């Protein structure tokens, strides 16, 4: 096991850290055991006081450094406090990317973070992104 998201061993279950920690972008990250040992699950959670939309989109790398969306996008908004999606790593390339966004001025998206991971090495894990401050 490892604390390196691109490593072949996979991230340690129980790992907790801040994905981004600054005003308007306080986002934590936690690794949990997933319900299906072949999938990677991606819950997105927001605190109760947050109402503007937040989204999480999944990408895959066809070649290193070049990512394409895979049609997995979730969002929270208004009273929705959580959303979840998943990938089956055998159906995508070895490397994936998570993109996090939030609602910005006039409803346009404001980019928060891109986070790369090893899809094959992290099967059976849940990558929980929690938004604490807007």
Protein backbone atom coordinates (compact mmCIF):
# COMPACT_ATOMS: atom_id res chain seq x y z
CA UNK A 1 0.00 0.00 0.00
CA UNK A 2 1.03 3.56 -0.55
CA UNK A 3 0.24 7.25 -0.27
CA UNK A 4 1.13 7.72 -3.96
CA UNK A 5 -2.04 7.93 -6.14
CA UNK A 6 -0.19 6.87 -9.31
CA UNK A 7 1.53 3.88 -7.69
CA UNK A 8 0.70 0.31 -8.66
CA UNK A 9 0.14 -0.72 -5.02
CA UNK A 10 -2.91 1.51 -4.55
CA UNK A 11 -3.59 4.08 -1.88
CA UNK A 12 -3.87 3.07 1.78
CA UNK A 13 -7.45 2.61 2.93
CA UNK A 14 -7.95 5.14 5.71
CA UNK A 15 -5.72 7.79 4.13
CA UNK A 16 -7.10 11.30 4.79
CA UNK A 17 -5.71 14.58 3.52
CA UNK A 18 -6.73 17.94 2.11
CA UNK A 19 -6.97 17.90 -1.68
CA UNK A 20 -7.02 21.71 -1.64
CA UNK A 21 -7.01 23.95 1.42
CA UNK A 22 -7.54 27.66 0.84
CA UNK A 23 -10.48 30.08 1.17
CA UNK A 24 -13.32 29.01 -1.12
CA UNK A 25 -11.64 25.69 -1.88
CA UNK A 26 -11.51 23.58 1.29
CA UNK A 27 -11.76 20.05 -0.11
CA UNK A 28 -10.77 16.93 1.80
CA UNK A 29 -9.95 13.54 0.36
CA UNK A 30 -10.36 10.14 2.04
CA UNK A 31 -9.77 6.57 0.87
CA UNK A 32 -12.30 3.95 2.01
CA UNK A 33 -12.96 0.35 1.03
CA UNK A 34 -15.43 0.16 -1.87
CA UNK A 35 -18.44 -2.11 -2.00
CA UNK A 36 -17.24 -3.82 -5.19
CA UNK A 37 -13.62 -5.02 -5.21
CA UNK A 38 -13.35 -4.48 -8.99
CA UNK A 39 -14.57 -0.87 -9.10
CA UNK A 40 -13.37 2.51 -7.91
CA UNK A 41 -16.18 4.56 -6.40
CA UNK A 42 -16.21 8.37 -6.29
CA UNK A 43 -18.56 9.93 -3.72
CA UNK A 44 -18.79 13.73 -3.72
CA UNK A 45 -20.06 15.29 -0.48
CA UNK A 46 -20.72 18.89 0.57
CA UNK A 47 -21.35 20.54 3.96
CA UNK A 48 -24.91 21.58 4.81
CA UNK A 49 -24.24 25.30 4.42
CA UNK A 50 -23.13 24.95 0.77
CA UNK A 51 -25.83 25.48 -1.87
CA UNK A 52 -24.00 26.39 -5.07
CA UNK A 53 -23.28 23.44 -7.35
CA UNK A 54 -20.12 21.34 -7.13
CA UNK A 55 -19.19 18.73 -9.71
CA UNK A 56 -16.83 15.83 -10.17
CA UNK A 57 -15.91 14.53 -13.63
CA UNK A 58 -13.84 11.46 -14.51
CA UNK A 59 -11.26 11.27 -17.30
CA UNK A 60 -8.93 8.60 -18.71
CA UNK A 61 -5.48 8.89 -20.26
CA UNK A 62 -5.14 7.44 -23.74
CA UNK A 63 -1.47 8.34 -23.64
CA UNK A 64 0.35 9.78 -20.62
CA UNK A 65 -0.58 13.39 -20.01
CA UNK A 66 -3.58 13.52 -22.39
CA UNK A 67 -6.95 12.99 -20.71
CA UNK A 68 -10.41 12.57 -22.21
CA UNK A 69 -13.76 12.63 -20.37
CA UNK A 70 -15.35 9.20 -20.00
CA UNK A 71 -18.94 10.39 -19.58
CA UNK A 72 -19.00 10.13 -15.79
CA UNK A 73 -19.98 13.46 -14.25
CA UNK A 74 -21.88 14.05 -11.03
CA UNK A 75 -22.91 17.17 -9.18
CA UNK A 76 -24.48 18.44 -5.99
CA UNK A 77 -26.61 21.56 -5.90
CA UNK A 78 -29.37 23.18 -3.90
CA UNK A 79 -30.32 20.61 -1.23
CA UNK A 80 -28.46 17.64 -2.71
CA UNK A 81 -25.59 16.95 -0.29
CA UNK A 82 -23.99 13.99 -2.05
CA UNK A 83 -23.65 12.21 -5.37
CA UNK A 84 -21.65 9.17 -6.46
CA UNK A 85 -20.27 7.53 -9.58
CA UNK A 86 -17.81 4.71 -10.27
CA UNK A 87 -15.48 3.24 -12.86
CA UNK A 88 -14.54 -0.31 -13.74
CA UNK A 89 -10.76 -0.01 -14.24
CA UNK A 90 -10.56 -2.88 -16.71
CA UNK A 91 -12.74 -0.83 -19.06
CA UNK A 92 -10.45 2.23 -19.09
CA UNK A 93 -6.76 2.91 -19.33
CA UNK A 94 -4.35 2.48 -16.43
CA UNK A 95 -4.45 6.15 -15.49
CA UNK A 96 -7.44 8.29 -14.66
CA UNK A 97 -8.10 11.84 -13.55
CA UNK A 98 -10.72 13.42 -11.33
CA UNK A 99 -11.69 17.02 -12.11
CA UNK A 100 -13.49 19.05 -9.44
CA UNK A 101 -15.42 22.22 -10.23
CA UNK A 102 -17.69 24.65 -8.42
CA UNK A 103 -20.23 27.24 -9.47
CA UNK A 104 -18.61 30.58 -10.08
CA UNK A 105 -19.76 34.05 -11.06
CA UNK A 106 -22.98 34.06 -13.13
CA UNK A 107 -23.21 30.26 -12.86
CA UNK A 108 -20.07 29.54 -14.85
CA UNK A 109 -17.77 26.82 -13.54
CA UNK A 110 -14.66 27.60 -11.52
CA UNK A 111 -11.98 24.90 -11.69
CA UNK A 112 -10.89 23.60 -8.28
CA UNK A 113 -8.48 20.71 -8.85
CA UNK A 114 -7.34 17.91 -11.16
CA UNK A 115 -6.23 14.77 -9.35
CA UNK A 116 -4.54 11.86 -11.18
CA UNK A 117 -4.70 8.24 -10.02
CA UNK A 118 -3.73 4.69 -11.04
CA UNK A 119 -7.04 3.03 -11.91
CA UNK A 120 -5.75 -0.54 -11.91
CA UNK A 121 -3.82 -0.23 -8.65
CA UNK A 122 -6.75 1.33 -6.78
CA UNK A 123 -9.52 -1.16 -7.53
CA UNK A 124 -11.74 -1.84 -4.53
CA UNK A 125 -11.37 1.68 -3.17
CA UNK A 126 -13.70 4.59 -2.65
CA UNK A 127 -12.18 8.05 -3.21
CA UNK A 128 -14.31 10.45 -1.16
CA UNK A 129 -14.05 14.15 -1.97
CA UNK A 130 -15.75 16.38 0.64
CA UNK A 131 -16.26 20.09 0.07
CA UNK A 132 -16.16 22.01 3.38
CA UNK A 133 -16.14 25.67 2.34
CA UNK A 134 -17.46 27.57 -0.62
